[in-house]
Every structure is written in C-alpha cells, then in structure tokens.
Amino acid sequence: SINQPEHPMELALLGRDNQFDEQWLSLQQIAGFDGAVLWPNDLHQRTFHEAYRMGIPLFMPDALGLYRSQRMTNWGYASYGGRLADLDINDRPYPPWWNSFNATPDVVVYHQNFADWEQMPHIQRFASLPQFITDFRSADLRGISAQMLDFHKKLCEDAFELAS
C-alpha cells in the first residue's frame, strides 16, 4: 500500500470503476487537490493550462513514458496521418503526423518537445510509478505551486506588454 501512516497519500483515479466511462471534475474540484498527475492524450491540452494556471503541482511521465502511452492510446489529431496542402515541412526532420502504433521514439519525442508542458517550468517528471510516489511525497507542493503561479503571472504580464 502506498498509504503509510508517516506519509499518507490518497490517489483519486478518474474512470477507476470502468476504464471507458469518463469522469469529469469541475475546476473547483480539481483545485481541491494538492497535486495532479497528467497523462496527456494529445500534444495540446487545455487541462494542462487550467491546472497550471490554478497552481496545482503537475506530475507527468517523462518523454519516453509519454511515448509508450501514445502507442496504446493515440494522440488525437497528431496521429491520424493527416496532411496540410501547400505546407513546406521539408525544414523539419519529421512530418507533423505519425502512426501512433508504429512510430519510433525519435519521431514522437521530437514533436513532444513542442508541447507546452515541455516549455513551461516547474513540471515534475517521473520515469516510473515508484519514482512518482517518492517524488510526490518529498515535493514542496506549496513551493512548486507558488513558482507556477509566479511564472504564469509574469507570462501574462509579458504577453500584455507585447500586445500593447
């Protein structure tokens, strides 16, 4: 059990009763958690931005962990083999779409690097479930939250200044 008296930890898994029944939480409910694990199902995640803006410490699998998960659950529009007409993508090493079931790590990880969770600081990464549990228990969640909120505030100020 991960719930030890000296380090209590409660995990709330969405969809735990039936993996195909989605459970949705309101933003108010999400804000009540000390931290969250985000396993994105696409390169573009509103949930990431919502949780980041609320200052909820985010724990995410490392790049190879995300690569492995997208092989089982494709990543939305990026994995359907699409094409944009008249788009010159020759300056990139890989086209922006791939077959999620047989793409190699170099293709998928290359595109993961463009995701916001790779660009924004203070995201906690883990390579295994034991590492996540250890890191979550030892993390300064309030400190991480404060850093995330400070970064987001500065990002907004910079954007407004640039737009004005």
N, C-alpha and C. Protein backbone atom coordinates (compact mmCIF):
# COMPACT_ATOMS: atom_id res chain seq x y z
N SER A 1 0.84 -1.19 0.00
CA SER A 1 0.00 0.00 0.00
C SER A 1 0.88 1.24 0.00
N ILE A 2 0.45 2.25 -0.70
CA ILE A 2 1.20 3.50 -0.69
C ILE A 2 0.77 4.39 0.46
N ASN A 3 -0.30 4.04 1.15
CA ASN A 3 -0.77 4.84 2.28
C ASN A 3 -0.10 4.36 3.56
N GLN A 4 0.97 5.03 3.91
CA GLN A 4 1.70 4.71 5.12
C GLN A 4 1.41 5.79 6.16
N PRO A 5 1.32 5.43 7.43
CA PRO A 5 0.95 6.41 8.46
C PRO A 5 1.81 7.66 8.46
N GLU A 6 3.12 7.49 8.25
CA GLU A 6 4.00 8.66 8.29
C GLU A 6 3.92 9.52 7.03
N HIS A 7 3.40 8.96 5.96
CA HIS A 7 3.27 9.69 4.69
C HIS A 7 1.94 9.35 4.02
N PRO A 8 0.82 9.82 4.59
CA PRO A 8 -0.46 9.48 3.97
C PRO A 8 -0.56 10.06 2.56
N MET A 9 -1.13 9.29 1.69
CA MET A 9 -1.26 9.73 0.30
C MET A 9 -2.51 9.09 -0.28
N GLU A 10 -3.42 9.91 -0.73
CA GLU A 10 -4.64 9.40 -1.33
C GLU A 10 -4.61 9.68 -2.82
N LEU A 11 -4.81 8.66 -3.62
CA LEU A 11 -4.86 8.82 -5.06
C LEU A 11 -6.30 8.72 -5.51
N ALA A 12 -6.74 9.68 -6.30
CA ALA A 12 -8.08 9.64 -6.89
C ALA A 12 -7.89 9.38 -8.38
N LEU A 13 -8.32 8.22 -8.84
CA LEU A 13 -8.17 7.86 -10.25
C LEU A 13 -9.50 8.06 -10.96
N LEU A 14 -9.48 8.83 -12.02
CA LEU A 14 -10.70 9.02 -12.79
C LEU A 14 -10.95 7.80 -13.64
N GLY A 15 -12.19 7.37 -13.71
CA GLY A 15 -12.53 6.21 -14.53
C GLY A 15 -12.11 4.90 -13.91
N ARG A 16 -11.92 4.84 -12.61
CA ARG A 16 -11.40 3.62 -11.98
C ARG A 16 -12.39 2.46 -11.98
N ASP A 17 -13.70 2.74 -11.98
CA ASP A 17 -14.67 1.65 -11.95
C ASP A 17 -14.85 1.01 -13.32
N ASN A 18 -14.80 1.79 -14.34
CA ASN A 18 -14.92 1.29 -15.71
C ASN A 18 -14.01 2.18 -16.55
N GLN A 19 -12.93 1.65 -17.03
CA GLN A 19 -11.92 2.47 -17.69
C GLN A 19 -12.45 3.23 -18.90
N PHE A 20 -13.59 2.83 -19.43
CA PHE A 20 -14.11 3.51 -20.61
C PHE A 20 -15.19 4.54 -20.26
N ASP A 21 -15.57 4.62 -19.00
CA ASP A 21 -16.50 5.67 -18.56
C ASP A 21 -15.69 6.86 -18.10
N GLU A 22 -15.87 7.97 -18.77
CA GLU A 22 -15.11 9.15 -18.40
C GLU A 22 -15.75 9.81 -17.19
N GLN A 23 -14.93 10.27 -16.29
CA GLN A 23 -15.40 11.05 -15.16
C GLN A 23 -14.82 12.44 -15.31
N TRP A 24 -15.65 13.43 -15.12
CA TRP A 24 -15.21 14.82 -15.25
C TRP A 24 -15.30 15.49 -13.90
N LEU A 25 -14.32 16.31 -13.62
CA LEU A 25 -14.32 17.10 -12.40
C LEU A 25 -14.46 18.57 -12.78
N SER A 26 -15.15 19.31 -11.95
CA SER A 26 -15.21 20.76 -12.18
C SER A 26 -13.84 21.35 -11.83
N LEU A 27 -13.60 22.57 -12.30
CA LEU A 27 -12.33 23.24 -11.95
C LEU A 27 -12.24 23.44 -10.44
N GLN A 28 -13.37 23.68 -9.80
CA GLN A 28 -13.37 23.84 -8.34
C GLN A 28 -12.94 22.53 -7.66
N GLN A 29 -13.41 21.40 -8.16
CA GLN A 29 -13.00 20.12 -7.59
C GLN A 29 -11.52 19.87 -7.83
N ILE A 30 -11.05 20.16 -9.03
CA ILE A 30 -9.63 19.97 -9.35
C ILE A 30 -8.75 20.81 -8.43
N ALA A 31 -9.20 22.04 -8.16
CA ALA A 31 -8.42 22.95 -7.32
C ALA A 31 -8.28 22.44 -5.89
N GLY A 32 -9.10 21.49 -5.48
CA GLY A 32 -9.03 20.94 -4.13
C GLY A 32 -7.93 19.91 -3.93
N PHE A 33 -7.25 19.52 -5.00
CA PHE A 33 -6.18 18.53 -4.88
C PHE A 33 -4.84 19.21 -4.62
N ASP A 34 -3.97 18.51 -3.89
CA ASP A 34 -2.63 19.04 -3.60
C ASP A 34 -1.72 18.98 -4.81
N GLY A 35 -1.98 18.07 -5.72
CA GLY A 35 -1.18 17.89 -6.92
C GLY A 35 -1.96 17.02 -7.88
N ALA A 36 -1.45 16.90 -9.09
CA ALA A 36 -2.14 16.09 -10.09
C ALA A 36 -1.13 15.41 -10.99
N VAL A 37 -1.51 14.23 -11.45
CA VAL A 37 -0.75 13.54 -12.48
C VAL A 37 -1.50 13.76 -13.78
N LEU A 38 -0.79 14.25 -14.77
CA LEU A 38 -1.41 14.47 -16.08
C LEU A 38 -0.76 13.53 -17.08
N TRP A 39 -1.57 12.68 -17.66
CA TRP A 39 -1.15 11.78 -18.73
C TRP A 39 -1.86 12.29 -19.97
N PRO A 40 -1.24 13.19 -20.71
CA PRO A 40 -1.96 13.82 -21.82
C PRO A 40 -2.29 12.82 -22.93
N ASN A 41 -3.43 13.07 -23.57
CA ASN A 41 -3.82 12.23 -24.69
C ASN A 41 -3.66 12.96 -26.02
N ASP A 42 -2.99 14.09 -25.99
CA ASP A 42 -2.70 14.84 -27.19
C ASP A 42 -1.61 15.86 -26.86
N LEU A 43 -1.00 16.40 -27.89
CA LEU A 43 0.06 17.39 -27.67
C LEU A 43 -0.48 18.73 -27.17
N HIS A 44 -1.76 18.97 -27.37
CA HIS A 44 -2.38 20.24 -26.98
C HIS A 44 -3.42 19.93 -25.92
N GLN A 45 -3.19 20.39 -24.72
CA GLN A 45 -4.05 20.05 -23.60
C GLN A 45 -4.56 21.28 -22.87
N ARG A 46 -5.86 21.52 -22.95
CA ARG A 46 -6.43 22.61 -22.15
C ARG A 46 -6.30 22.28 -20.67
N THR A 47 -6.46 21.02 -20.32
CA THR A 47 -6.37 20.63 -18.91
C THR A 47 -5.03 21.04 -18.33
N PHE A 48 -3.96 20.90 -19.11
CA PHE A 48 -2.64 21.32 -18.64
C PHE A 48 -2.67 22.80 -18.26
N HIS A 49 -3.19 23.63 -19.14
CA HIS A 49 -3.21 25.08 -18.89
C HIS A 49 -4.11 25.44 -17.71
N GLU A 50 -5.24 24.77 -17.60
CA GLU A 50 -6.15 25.05 -16.48
C GLU A 50 -5.48 24.72 -15.15
N ALA A 51 -4.89 23.54 -15.06
CA ALA A 51 -4.24 23.14 -13.82
C ALA A 51 -3.01 24.02 -13.53
N TYR A 52 -2.25 24.34 -14.57
CA TYR A 52 -1.06 25.18 -14.38
C TYR A 52 -1.47 26.55 -13.85
N ARG A 53 -2.50 27.13 -14.43
CA ARG A 53 -2.97 28.45 -14.01
C ARG A 53 -3.48 28.45 -12.58
N MET A 54 -4.03 27.32 -12.15
CA MET A 54 -4.51 27.21 -10.77
C MET A 54 -3.35 26.95 -9.80
N GLY A 55 -2.17 26.69 -10.33
CA GLY A 55 -1.02 26.43 -9.47
C GLY A 55 -1.04 25.05 -8.84
N ILE A 56 -1.68 24.10 -9.50
CA ILE A 56 -1.69 22.73 -9.00
C ILE A 56 -0.40 22.05 -9.46
N PRO A 57 0.46 21.64 -8.56
CA PRO A 57 1.68 20.96 -8.99
C PRO A 57 1.35 19.78 -9.90
N LEU A 58 1.98 19.77 -11.06
CA LEU A 58 1.72 18.75 -12.07
C LEU A 58 2.87 17.77 -12.16
N PHE A 59 2.53 16.51 -12.11
CA PHE A 59 3.48 15.42 -12.27
C PHE A 59 3.13 14.73 -13.58
N MET A 60 4.14 14.54 -14.42
CA MET A 60 3.90 13.93 -15.72
C MET A 60 4.96 12.88 -16.01
N PRO A 61 4.59 11.86 -16.78
CA PRO A 61 5.60 10.89 -17.20
C PRO A 61 6.69 11.59 -18.02
N ASP A 62 7.88 11.04 -17.98
CA ASP A 62 8.96 11.60 -18.78
C ASP A 62 8.68 11.35 -20.27
N ALA A 63 9.55 11.84 -21.13
CA ALA A 63 9.32 11.77 -22.58
C ALA A 63 9.10 10.35 -23.08
N LEU A 64 9.89 9.40 -22.61
CA LEU A 64 9.72 8.02 -23.08
C LEU A 64 8.46 7.37 -22.50
N GLY A 65 8.08 7.78 -21.30
CA GLY A 65 6.81 7.29 -20.74
C GLY A 65 5.62 7.78 -21.55
N LEU A 66 5.68 9.03 -21.97
CA LEU A 66 4.60 9.56 -22.82
C LEU A 66 4.61 8.88 -24.18
N TYR A 67 5.80 8.62 -24.70
CA TYR A 67 5.89 7.92 -25.98
C TYR A 67 5.20 6.55 -25.87
N ARG A 68 5.49 5.83 -24.80
CA ARG A 68 4.89 4.50 -24.64
C ARG A 68 3.38 4.59 -24.52
N SER A 69 2.87 5.59 -23.81
CA SER A 69 1.42 5.68 -23.64
C SER A 69 0.71 6.05 -24.94
N GLN A 70 1.32 6.88 -25.78
CA GLN A 70 0.64 7.25 -27.03
C GLN A 70 0.58 6.08 -28.00
N ARG A 71 1.39 5.06 -27.79
CA ARG A 71 1.31 3.87 -28.64
C ARG A 71 0.03 3.08 -28.34
N MET A 72 -0.47 3.20 -27.12
CA MET A 72 -1.67 2.46 -26.72
C MET A 72 -2.94 3.29 -26.94
N THR A 73 -2.84 4.58 -26.75
CA THR A 73 -3.98 5.48 -26.93
C THR A 73 -3.49 6.63 -27.80
N ASN A 74 -3.85 6.61 -29.05
CA ASN A 74 -3.27 7.58 -29.98
C ASN A 74 -3.52 9.02 -29.53
N TRP A 75 -2.68 9.88 -30.00
CA TRP A 75 -2.70 11.27 -29.57
C TRP A 75 -3.53 12.13 -30.50
N GLY A 76 -4.80 11.95 -30.47
CA GLY A 76 -5.71 12.82 -31.20
C GLY A 76 -5.29 13.06 -32.62
N TYR A 77 -5.40 14.29 -33.04
CA TYR A 77 -5.19 14.60 -34.45
C TYR A 77 -3.75 14.42 -34.93
N ALA A 78 -2.78 14.39 -34.04
CA ALA A 78 -1.38 14.26 -34.46
C ALA A 78 -1.06 12.87 -34.99
N SER A 79 -1.89 11.90 -34.69
CA SER A 79 -1.53 10.53 -35.03
C SER A 79 -2.41 9.92 -36.12
N TYR A 80 -3.14 10.73 -36.84
CA TYR A 80 -4.04 10.18 -37.85
C TYR A 80 -3.48 10.22 -39.26
N GLY A 81 -2.24 10.60 -39.41
CA GLY A 81 -1.64 10.60 -40.74
C GLY A 81 -2.20 11.67 -41.64
N GLY A 82 -2.52 12.82 -41.09
CA GLY A 82 -3.09 13.93 -41.87
C GLY A 82 -2.06 14.62 -42.75
N ARG A 83 -2.52 15.62 -43.47
CA ARG A 83 -1.63 16.37 -44.36
C ARG A 83 -2.22 17.75 -44.59
N LEU A 84 -1.39 18.76 -44.63
CA LEU A 84 -1.81 20.11 -44.97
C LEU A 84 -1.34 20.42 -46.39
N ALA A 85 -2.24 20.87 -47.21
CA ALA A 85 -1.89 21.21 -48.59
C ALA A 85 -0.96 22.42 -48.61
N ASP A 86 -0.02 22.41 -49.51
CA ASP A 86 0.89 23.53 -49.74
C ASP A 86 1.69 23.93 -48.51
N LEU A 87 1.97 23.01 -47.64
CA LEU A 87 2.79 23.29 -46.48
C LEU A 87 4.17 22.70 -46.70
N ASP A 88 5.17 23.55 -46.67
CA ASP A 88 6.53 23.06 -46.86
C ASP A 88 7.08 22.66 -45.49
N ILE A 89 7.15 21.37 -45.26
CA ILE A 89 7.66 20.87 -43.98
C ILE A 89 9.03 20.24 -44.15
N ASN A 90 9.68 20.55 -45.25
CA ASN A 90 10.98 19.94 -45.51
C ASN A 90 12.07 20.42 -44.56
N ASP A 91 11.81 21.54 -43.87
CA ASP A 91 12.82 22.03 -42.94
C ASP A 91 12.75 21.31 -41.59
N ARG A 92 11.81 20.40 -41.42
CA ARG A 92 11.68 19.64 -40.19
C ARG A 92 12.09 18.19 -40.44
N PRO A 93 12.66 17.55 -39.46
CA PRO A 93 13.13 16.17 -39.69
C PRO A 93 12.00 15.15 -39.84
N TYR A 94 10.79 15.48 -39.33
CA TYR A 94 9.68 14.53 -39.40
C TYR A 94 8.39 15.29 -39.72
N PRO A 95 7.49 14.67 -40.47
CA PRO A 95 6.20 15.32 -40.72
C PRO A 95 5.41 15.43 -39.41
N PRO A 96 4.46 16.37 -39.33
CA PRO A 96 3.75 16.62 -38.07
C PRO A 96 2.68 15.58 -37.73
N TRP A 97 2.54 14.52 -38.51
CA TRP A 97 1.60 13.45 -38.19
C TRP A 97 2.34 12.12 -38.22
N TRP A 98 1.88 11.20 -37.41
CA TRP A 98 2.53 9.90 -37.37
C TRP A 98 1.50 8.83 -37.01
N ASN A 99 1.83 7.61 -37.30
CA ASN A 99 1.02 6.48 -36.91
C ASN A 99 1.43 6.11 -35.49
N SER A 100 0.55 6.34 -34.54
CA SER A 100 0.92 6.17 -33.13
C SER A 100 1.29 4.74 -32.76
N PHE A 101 0.86 3.78 -33.57
CA PHE A 101 1.12 2.39 -33.21
C PHE A 101 2.49 1.89 -33.67
N ASN A 102 3.10 2.57 -34.64
CA ASN A 102 4.41 2.09 -35.09
C ASN A 102 5.46 3.19 -35.23
N ALA A 103 5.16 4.39 -34.80
CA ALA A 103 6.16 5.47 -34.86
C ALA A 103 7.27 5.19 -33.85
N THR A 104 8.48 5.56 -34.21
CA THR A 104 9.63 5.35 -33.34
C THR A 104 9.76 6.50 -32.34
N PRO A 105 10.49 6.28 -31.24
CA PRO A 105 10.63 7.34 -30.23
C PRO A 105 11.18 8.65 -30.80
N ASP A 106 12.12 8.58 -31.74
CA ASP A 106 12.69 9.82 -32.25
C ASP A 106 11.62 10.71 -32.91
N VAL A 107 10.64 10.12 -33.57
CA VAL A 107 9.56 10.89 -34.21
C VAL A 107 8.65 11.51 -33.15
N VAL A 108 8.18 10.70 -32.23
CA VAL A 108 7.20 11.17 -31.25
C VAL A 108 7.83 12.15 -30.26
N VAL A 109 9.00 11.81 -29.73
CA VAL A 109 9.64 12.69 -28.75
C VAL A 109 10.00 14.04 -29.39
N TYR A 110 10.39 14.03 -30.65
CA TYR A 110 10.68 15.28 -31.35
C TYR A 110 9.46 16.21 -31.28
N HIS A 111 8.28 15.68 -31.54
CA HIS A 111 7.07 16.51 -31.53
C HIS A 111 6.61 16.84 -30.11
N GLN A 112 6.85 15.95 -29.16
CA GLN A 112 6.52 16.26 -27.77
C GLN A 112 7.24 17.51 -27.30
N ASN A 113 8.43 17.76 -27.82
CA ASN A 113 9.20 18.92 -27.39
C ASN A 113 8.50 20.24 -27.68
N PHE A 114 7.50 20.24 -28.56
CA PHE A 114 6.76 21.46 -28.87
C PHE A 114 5.56 21.66 -27.95
N ALA A 115 5.24 20.68 -27.14
CA ALA A 115 4.10 20.79 -26.23
C ALA A 115 4.39 21.79 -25.13
N ASP A 116 3.35 22.46 -24.66
CA ASP A 116 3.54 23.47 -23.62
C ASP A 116 4.11 22.90 -22.33
N TRP A 117 3.77 21.65 -22.02
CA TRP A 117 4.31 21.08 -20.78
C TRP A 117 5.82 20.91 -20.85
N GLU A 118 6.38 20.90 -22.04
CA GLU A 118 7.84 20.83 -22.18
C GLU A 118 8.46 22.23 -22.13
N GLN A 119 7.67 23.25 -22.39
CA GLN A 119 8.18 24.61 -22.46
C GLN A 119 8.06 25.36 -21.14
N MET A 120 7.08 25.01 -20.35
CA MET A 120 6.82 25.76 -19.12
C MET A 120 7.54 25.09 -17.94
N PRO A 121 8.08 25.90 -17.04
CA PRO A 121 8.86 25.35 -15.93
C PRO A 121 8.00 24.78 -14.81
N HIS A 122 8.65 24.09 -13.92
CA HIS A 122 8.09 23.59 -12.67
C HIS A 122 7.20 22.37 -12.82
N ILE A 123 7.23 21.72 -13.97
CA ILE A 123 6.51 20.47 -14.16
C ILE A 123 7.41 19.35 -13.62
N GLN A 124 6.85 18.49 -12.80
CA GLN A 124 7.61 17.40 -12.20
C GLN A 124 7.49 16.18 -13.09
N ARG A 125 8.60 15.57 -13.46
CA ARG A 125 8.58 14.42 -14.37
C ARG A 125 9.00 13.16 -13.64
N PHE A 126 8.44 12.04 -14.05
CA PHE A 126 8.81 10.76 -13.45
C PHE A 126 8.92 9.69 -14.52
N ALA A 127 9.80 8.72 -14.26
CA ALA A 127 10.03 7.63 -15.21
C ALA A 127 9.33 6.33 -14.80
N SER A 128 8.84 6.29 -13.55
CA SER A 128 8.18 5.07 -13.07
C SER A 128 7.21 5.45 -11.96
N LEU A 129 6.29 4.56 -11.68
CA LEU A 129 5.34 4.80 -10.59
C LEU A 129 6.05 4.91 -9.23
N PRO A 130 7.01 4.04 -8.92
CA PRO A 130 7.73 4.22 -7.64
C PRO A 130 8.42 5.59 -7.55
N GLN A 131 9.00 6.05 -8.65
CA GLN A 131 9.64 7.37 -8.62
C GLN A 131 8.60 8.46 -8.39
N PHE A 132 7.43 8.34 -9.03
CA PHE A 132 6.36 9.33 -8.80
C PHE A 132 5.99 9.38 -7.33
N ILE A 133 5.77 8.22 -6.71
CA ILE A 133 5.35 8.19 -5.31
C ILE A 133 6.42 8.82 -4.42
N THR A 134 7.66 8.47 -4.65
CA THR A 134 8.76 9.05 -3.86
C THR A 134 8.83 10.56 -4.07
N ASP A 135 8.78 10.99 -5.33
CA ASP A 135 8.89 12.42 -5.62
C ASP A 135 7.70 13.21 -5.07
N PHE A 136 6.50 12.65 -5.20
CA PHE A 136 5.31 13.36 -4.71
C PHE A 136 5.37 13.53 -3.21
N ARG A 137 5.79 12.49 -2.52
CA ARG A 137 5.86 12.55 -1.06
C ARG A 137 6.91 13.54 -0.57
N SER A 138 7.97 13.72 -1.33
CA SER A 138 9.05 14.60 -0.87
C SER A 138 8.97 16.00 -1.47
N ALA A 139 8.05 16.23 -2.38
CA ALA A 139 7.98 17.52 -3.07
C ALA A 139 7.45 18.63 -2.15
N ASP A 140 7.98 19.80 -2.36
CA ASP A 140 7.46 21.00 -1.69
C ASP A 140 6.30 21.50 -2.56
N LEU A 141 5.12 20.93 -2.35
CA LEU A 141 3.98 21.23 -3.22
C LEU A 141 3.58 22.70 -3.16
N ARG A 142 3.62 23.29 -1.99
CA ARG A 142 3.28 24.73 -1.89
C ARG A 142 4.31 25.59 -2.61
N GLY A 143 5.58 25.22 -2.50
CA GLY A 143 6.63 25.96 -3.20
C GLY A 143 6.50 25.83 -4.70
N ILE A 144 6.22 24.61 -5.18
CA ILE A 144 6.03 24.39 -6.63
C ILE A 144 4.84 25.20 -7.11
N SER A 145 3.75 25.17 -6.35
CA SER A 145 2.55 25.92 -6.71
C SER A 145 2.86 27.42 -6.82
N ALA A 146 3.57 27.95 -5.84
CA ALA A 146 3.92 29.38 -5.86
C ALA A 146 4.78 29.72 -7.08
N GLN A 147 5.72 28.85 -7.40
CA GLN A 147 6.56 29.09 -8.58
C GLN A 147 5.74 29.07 -9.87
N MET A 148 4.80 28.14 -9.96
CA MET A 148 3.95 28.07 -11.14
C MET A 148 3.10 29.34 -11.28
N LEU A 149 2.51 29.77 -10.18
CA LEU A 149 1.68 30.98 -10.21
C LEU A 149 2.51 32.21 -10.57
N ASP A 150 3.71 32.32 -10.00
CA ASP A 150 4.59 33.45 -10.33
C ASP A 150 4.97 33.44 -11.81
N PHE A 151 5.31 32.26 -12.33
CA PHE A 151 5.67 32.16 -13.75
C PHE A 151 4.49 32.56 -14.63
N HIS A 152 3.31 32.06 -14.32
CA HIS A 152 2.13 32.37 -15.14
C HIS A 152 1.81 33.86 -15.09
N LYS A 153 1.94 34.47 -13.93
CA LYS A 153 1.70 35.91 -13.80
C LYS A 153 2.67 36.69 -14.69
N LYS A 154 3.94 36.34 -14.65
CA LYS A 154 4.96 37.01 -15.47
C LYS A 154 4.69 36.77 -16.95
N LEU A 155 4.30 35.55 -17.30
CA LEU A 155 3.98 35.24 -18.69
C LEU A 155 2.84 36.12 -19.20
N CYS A 156 1.81 36.29 -18.39
CA CYS A 156 0.68 37.15 -18.78
C CYS A 156 1.11 38.61 -18.88
N GLU A 157 1.89 39.07 -17.92
CA GLU A 157 2.37 40.46 -17.98
C GLU A 157 3.19 40.70 -19.24
N ASP A 158 4.07 39.76 -19.57
CA ASP A 158 4.88 39.90 -20.78
C ASP A 158 4.01 39.90 -22.05
N ALA A 159 3.00 39.05 -22.06
CA ALA A 159 2.12 38.98 -23.23
C ALA A 159 1.32 40.27 -23.38
N PHE A 160 0.79 40.80 -22.27
CA PHE A 160 0.04 42.06 -22.35
C PHE A 160 0.93 43.21 -22.77
N GLU A 161 2.16 43.22 -22.28
CA GLU A 161 3.10 44.27 -22.66
C GLU A 161 3.43 44.19 -24.15
N LEU A 162 3.64 42.99 -24.64
CA LEU A 162 3.92 42.80 -26.05
C LEU A 162 2.75 43.22 -26.93
N ALA A 163 1.54 42.97 -26.45
CA ALA A 163 0.33 43.29 -27.23
C ALA A 163 -0.03 44.77 -27.17
N SER A 164 0.48 45.48 -26.18
CA SER A 164 0.08 46.89 -26.06
C SER A 164 0.97 47.83 -26.83
